[in-house]
């Protein structure tokens, strides 16, 4: 099953503004994510991420509801494996 999951934009790489790559935190996991489809996203925003791309913004309350549901069904554990939401792990 492939999901889109919310994450919080921690930082945006200023090296190439055309690529708009960001460090996004999913609970305790941080991954590199493309903001190409969400040019309005800024540091501190919550975004929905699917296969390594942020596809929309959402508010913090909604993001927290989705995190709680994902915890209940064990989907956040799959992020640690890299099998959900895409994006390269950031170490």
N, C-alpha and C. Protein backbone atom coordinates (compact mmCIF):
# COMPACT_ATOMS: atom_id res chain seq x y z
N UNK A 1 0.84 -1.17 0.00
CA UNK A 1 0.00 0.00 0.00
C UNK A 1 0.89 1.23 0.00
N UNK A 2 0.54 2.20 -0.78
CA UNK A 2 1.33 3.42 -0.88
C UNK A 2 0.51 4.57 -0.31
N UNK A 3 1.08 5.27 0.66
CA UNK A 3 0.37 6.36 1.32
C UNK A 3 1.05 7.69 1.08
N UNK A 4 0.28 8.74 1.29
CA UNK A 4 0.85 10.07 1.44
C UNK A 4 0.77 10.36 2.93
N UNK A 5 1.80 10.95 3.49
CA UNK A 5 1.85 11.17 4.94
C UNK A 5 2.32 12.60 5.22
N UNK A 6 1.82 13.23 6.29
CA UNK A 6 2.24 14.60 6.58
C UNK A 6 3.61 14.65 7.23
N UNK A 7 4.31 15.74 6.98
CA UNK A 7 5.58 16.01 7.62
C UNK A 7 5.75 17.50 7.78
N UNK A 8 6.65 17.90 8.67
CA UNK A 8 6.89 19.32 8.93
C UNK A 8 8.19 19.73 8.24
N UNK A 9 8.14 20.80 7.48
CA UNK A 9 9.32 21.31 6.78
C UNK A 9 10.27 21.90 7.83
N UNK A 10 11.44 21.29 7.95
CA UNK A 10 12.46 21.73 8.91
C UNK A 10 13.39 22.78 8.30
N UNK A 11 13.76 22.56 7.05
CA UNK A 11 14.66 23.51 6.37
C UNK A 11 14.51 23.32 4.86
N UNK A 12 14.85 24.37 4.14
CA UNK A 12 14.81 24.33 2.67
C UNK A 12 16.21 24.60 2.17
N UNK A 13 16.70 23.75 1.27
CA UNK A 13 18.05 23.89 0.73
C UNK A 13 18.11 25.09 -0.20
N UNK A 14 18.92 26.10 0.14
CA UNK A 14 19.00 27.30 -0.70
C UNK A 14 19.92 27.14 -1.91
N UNK A 15 20.61 26.01 -2.04
CA UNK A 15 21.61 25.82 -3.09
C UNK A 15 21.01 25.97 -4.49
N UNK A 16 19.84 25.41 -4.72
CA UNK A 16 19.22 25.50 -6.04
C UNK A 16 17.72 25.76 -5.88
N UNK A 17 17.31 27.02 -5.96
CA UNK A 17 15.91 27.35 -5.73
C UNK A 17 14.95 26.72 -6.75
N UNK A 18 15.45 26.29 -7.88
CA UNK A 18 14.56 25.65 -8.87
C UNK A 18 14.19 24.23 -8.45
N UNK A 19 15.06 23.56 -7.67
CA UNK A 19 14.75 22.20 -7.21
C UNK A 19 13.87 22.19 -5.97
N UNK A 20 14.02 23.19 -5.09
CA UNK A 20 13.23 23.30 -3.84
C UNK A 20 13.23 21.99 -3.06
N UNK A 21 14.40 21.56 -2.63
CA UNK A 21 14.51 20.38 -1.78
C UNK A 21 14.47 20.82 -0.32
N UNK A 22 13.83 19.99 0.51
CA UNK A 22 13.68 20.34 1.92
C UNK A 22 13.94 19.13 2.80
N UNK A 23 14.32 19.41 4.06
CA UNK A 23 14.37 18.38 5.09
C UNK A 23 13.00 18.41 5.75
N UNK A 24 12.31 17.27 5.73
CA UNK A 24 10.96 17.18 6.29
C UNK A 24 10.95 16.12 7.38
N UNK A 25 10.36 16.49 8.52
CA UNK A 25 10.31 15.59 9.68
C UNK A 25 8.95 14.91 9.75
N UNK A 26 8.99 13.58 9.83
CA UNK A 26 7.80 12.74 9.99
C UNK A 26 7.92 12.11 11.38
N UNK A 27 7.38 12.76 12.39
CA UNK A 27 7.60 12.27 13.75
C UNK A 27 9.09 12.40 14.05
N UNK A 28 9.78 11.30 14.32
CA UNK A 28 11.21 11.34 14.61
C UNK A 28 12.09 11.06 13.41
N UNK A 29 11.52 10.93 12.23
CA UNK A 29 12.25 10.57 11.03
C UNK A 29 12.37 11.80 10.13
N UNK A 30 13.56 12.06 9.59
CA UNK A 30 13.76 13.20 8.69
C UNK A 30 14.19 12.67 7.33
N UNK A 31 13.54 13.17 6.28
CA UNK A 31 13.88 12.77 4.91
C UNK A 31 13.99 13.99 4.01
N UNK A 32 14.73 13.80 2.91
CA UNK A 32 14.80 14.82 1.86
C UNK A 32 13.54 14.70 1.01
N UNK A 33 12.89 15.81 0.73
CA UNK A 33 11.64 15.83 -0.01
C UNK A 33 11.68 16.98 -1.01
N UNK A 34 11.12 16.77 -2.18
CA UNK A 34 11.01 17.83 -3.18
C UNK A 34 9.78 18.68 -2.89
N UNK A 35 9.96 20.00 -2.94
CA UNK A 35 8.84 20.95 -2.79
C UNK A 35 8.43 21.51 -4.15
N UNK A 36 8.81 20.84 -5.23
CA UNK A 36 8.52 21.34 -6.58
C UNK A 36 7.03 21.55 -6.83
N UNK A 37 6.18 20.70 -6.22
CA UNK A 37 4.73 20.81 -6.43
C UNK A 37 4.06 21.72 -5.41
N UNK A 38 4.82 22.19 -4.43
CA UNK A 38 4.27 23.08 -3.40
C UNK A 38 5.19 24.28 -3.23
N UNK A 39 5.25 25.14 -4.23
CA UNK A 39 6.17 26.28 -4.16
C UNK A 39 5.86 27.24 -3.02
N UNK A 40 4.63 27.20 -2.48
CA UNK A 40 4.25 28.08 -1.39
C UNK A 40 4.71 27.56 -0.03
N UNK A 41 5.18 26.32 0.05
CA UNK A 41 5.59 25.73 1.33
C UNK A 41 6.80 26.46 1.89
N UNK A 42 6.78 26.66 3.21
CA UNK A 42 7.86 27.37 3.90
C UNK A 42 8.27 26.56 5.14
N UNK A 43 9.40 26.93 5.71
CA UNK A 43 9.87 26.28 6.93
C UNK A 43 8.77 26.42 7.99
N UNK A 44 8.47 25.31 8.66
CA UNK A 44 7.44 25.29 9.69
C UNK A 44 6.09 24.81 9.20
N UNK A 45 5.89 24.80 7.88
CA UNK A 45 4.63 24.31 7.31
C UNK A 45 4.57 22.79 7.38
N UNK A 46 3.35 22.28 7.42
CA UNK A 46 3.13 20.84 7.28
C UNK A 46 2.72 20.57 5.85
N UNK A 47 3.30 19.53 5.27
CA UNK A 47 3.01 19.15 3.89
C UNK A 47 2.65 17.67 3.83
N UNK A 48 1.84 17.31 2.86
CA UNK A 48 1.54 15.89 2.60
C UNK A 48 2.58 15.42 1.58
N UNK A 49 3.27 14.32 1.89
CA UNK A 49 4.36 13.81 1.04
C UNK A 49 3.96 12.45 0.48
N UNK A 50 4.16 12.32 -0.82
CA UNK A 50 3.92 11.06 -1.52
C UNK A 50 5.09 10.81 -2.44
N UNK A 51 5.70 9.65 -2.34
CA UNK A 51 6.87 9.22 -3.11
C UNK A 51 7.94 10.32 -3.25
N UNK A 52 8.24 10.98 -2.14
CA UNK A 52 9.33 11.94 -2.12
C UNK A 52 8.97 13.35 -2.56
N UNK A 53 7.70 13.60 -2.86
CA UNK A 53 7.25 14.93 -3.28
C UNK A 53 6.18 15.44 -2.33
N UNK A 54 6.32 16.69 -1.87
CA UNK A 54 5.25 17.33 -1.12
C UNK A 54 4.18 17.70 -2.13
N UNK A 55 2.95 17.25 -1.89
CA UNK A 55 1.88 17.47 -2.88
C UNK A 55 0.84 18.48 -2.42
N UNK A 56 0.83 18.83 -1.12
CA UNK A 56 -0.05 19.89 -0.64
C UNK A 56 0.34 20.27 0.78
N UNK A 57 -0.14 21.44 1.22
CA UNK A 57 0.07 21.87 2.60
C UNK A 57 -1.16 21.53 3.41
N UNK A 58 -1.01 21.44 4.74
CA UNK A 58 -2.14 21.25 5.63
C UNK A 58 -1.81 21.87 6.97
N UNK A 59 -2.84 22.04 7.82
CA UNK A 59 -2.59 22.68 9.11
C UNK A 59 -2.07 21.65 10.12
N UNK A 60 -1.51 22.16 11.22
CA UNK A 60 -0.88 21.29 12.21
C UNK A 60 -1.87 20.33 12.86
N UNK A 61 -3.07 20.78 13.16
CA UNK A 61 -4.06 19.90 13.81
C UNK A 61 -4.39 18.70 12.93
N UNK A 62 -4.58 18.95 11.65
CA UNK A 62 -4.87 17.84 10.74
C UNK A 62 -3.68 16.90 10.62
N UNK A 63 -2.47 17.47 10.56
CA UNK A 63 -1.26 16.64 10.49
C UNK A 63 -1.15 15.75 11.72
N UNK A 64 -1.43 16.28 12.90
CA UNK A 64 -1.35 15.49 14.13
C UNK A 64 -2.38 14.36 14.14
N UNK A 65 -3.58 14.62 13.61
CA UNK A 65 -4.59 13.56 13.52
C UNK A 65 -4.11 12.42 12.62
N UNK A 66 -3.50 12.78 11.49
CA UNK A 66 -2.99 11.76 10.57
C UNK A 66 -1.84 10.98 11.22
N UNK A 67 -0.92 11.69 11.94
CA UNK A 67 0.17 11.01 12.64
C UNK A 67 -0.37 9.99 13.63
N UNK A 68 -1.40 10.37 14.40
CA UNK A 68 -1.96 9.46 15.38
C UNK A 68 -2.54 8.22 14.70
N UNK A 69 -3.26 8.42 13.63
CA UNK A 69 -3.82 7.29 12.89
C UNK A 69 -2.69 6.40 12.33
N UNK A 70 -1.65 7.03 11.77
CA UNK A 70 -0.53 6.26 11.21
C UNK A 70 0.17 5.46 12.30
N UNK A 71 0.31 6.04 13.49
CA UNK A 71 0.91 5.29 14.61
C UNK A 71 0.05 4.07 14.94
N UNK A 72 -1.25 4.26 14.97
CA UNK A 72 -2.17 3.18 15.33
C UNK A 72 -2.07 2.01 14.35
N UNK A 73 -1.88 2.30 13.07
CA UNK A 73 -1.82 1.22 12.09
C UNK A 73 -0.39 0.79 11.75
N UNK A 74 0.60 1.41 12.40
CA UNK A 74 1.99 1.00 12.22
C UNK A 74 2.68 1.54 10.99
N UNK A 75 2.10 2.52 10.32
CA UNK A 75 2.70 3.06 9.10
C UNK A 75 3.96 3.87 9.36
N UNK A 76 4.09 4.51 10.50
CA UNK A 76 5.29 5.31 10.76
C UNK A 76 6.53 4.43 10.84
N UNK A 77 6.37 3.19 11.30
CA UNK A 77 7.50 2.26 11.34
C UNK A 77 8.02 1.98 9.94
N UNK A 78 7.13 1.93 8.95
CA UNK A 78 7.55 1.68 7.58
C UNK A 78 8.41 2.81 7.04
N UNK A 79 8.20 4.03 7.52
CA UNK A 79 9.03 5.14 7.08
C UNK A 79 10.50 4.90 7.41
N UNK A 80 10.76 4.27 8.54
CA UNK A 80 12.15 3.99 8.94
C UNK A 80 12.83 3.09 7.92
N UNK A 81 12.04 2.20 7.28
CA UNK A 81 12.56 1.29 6.26
C UNK A 81 12.70 1.97 4.91
N UNK A 82 12.04 3.12 4.74
CA UNK A 82 12.00 3.78 3.44
C UNK A 82 10.95 3.20 2.53
N UNK A 83 10.01 2.39 3.05
CA UNK A 83 9.03 1.74 2.20
C UNK A 83 7.75 2.54 2.01
N UNK A 84 7.60 3.69 2.66
CA UNK A 84 6.42 4.52 2.52
C UNK A 84 6.85 5.98 2.39
N UNK A 85 6.13 6.75 1.62
CA UNK A 85 6.30 8.19 1.46
C UNK A 85 7.49 8.58 0.61
N UNK A 86 8.38 7.69 0.33
CA UNK A 86 9.51 7.98 -0.55
C UNK A 86 10.47 8.99 0.06
N UNK A 87 11.40 9.43 -0.76
CA UNK A 87 12.40 10.39 -0.29
C UNK A 87 13.57 9.65 0.33
N UNK A 88 14.73 10.23 0.21
CA UNK A 88 15.93 9.62 0.76
C UNK A 88 16.07 9.97 2.23
N UNK A 89 16.47 9.01 3.06
CA UNK A 89 16.67 9.33 4.47
C UNK A 89 17.77 10.39 4.63
N UNK A 90 17.61 11.23 5.62
CA UNK A 90 18.63 12.23 5.93
C UNK A 90 19.31 11.79 7.20
N UNK A 91 20.61 11.74 7.18
CA UNK A 91 21.34 11.31 8.37
C UNK A 91 22.12 12.46 8.94
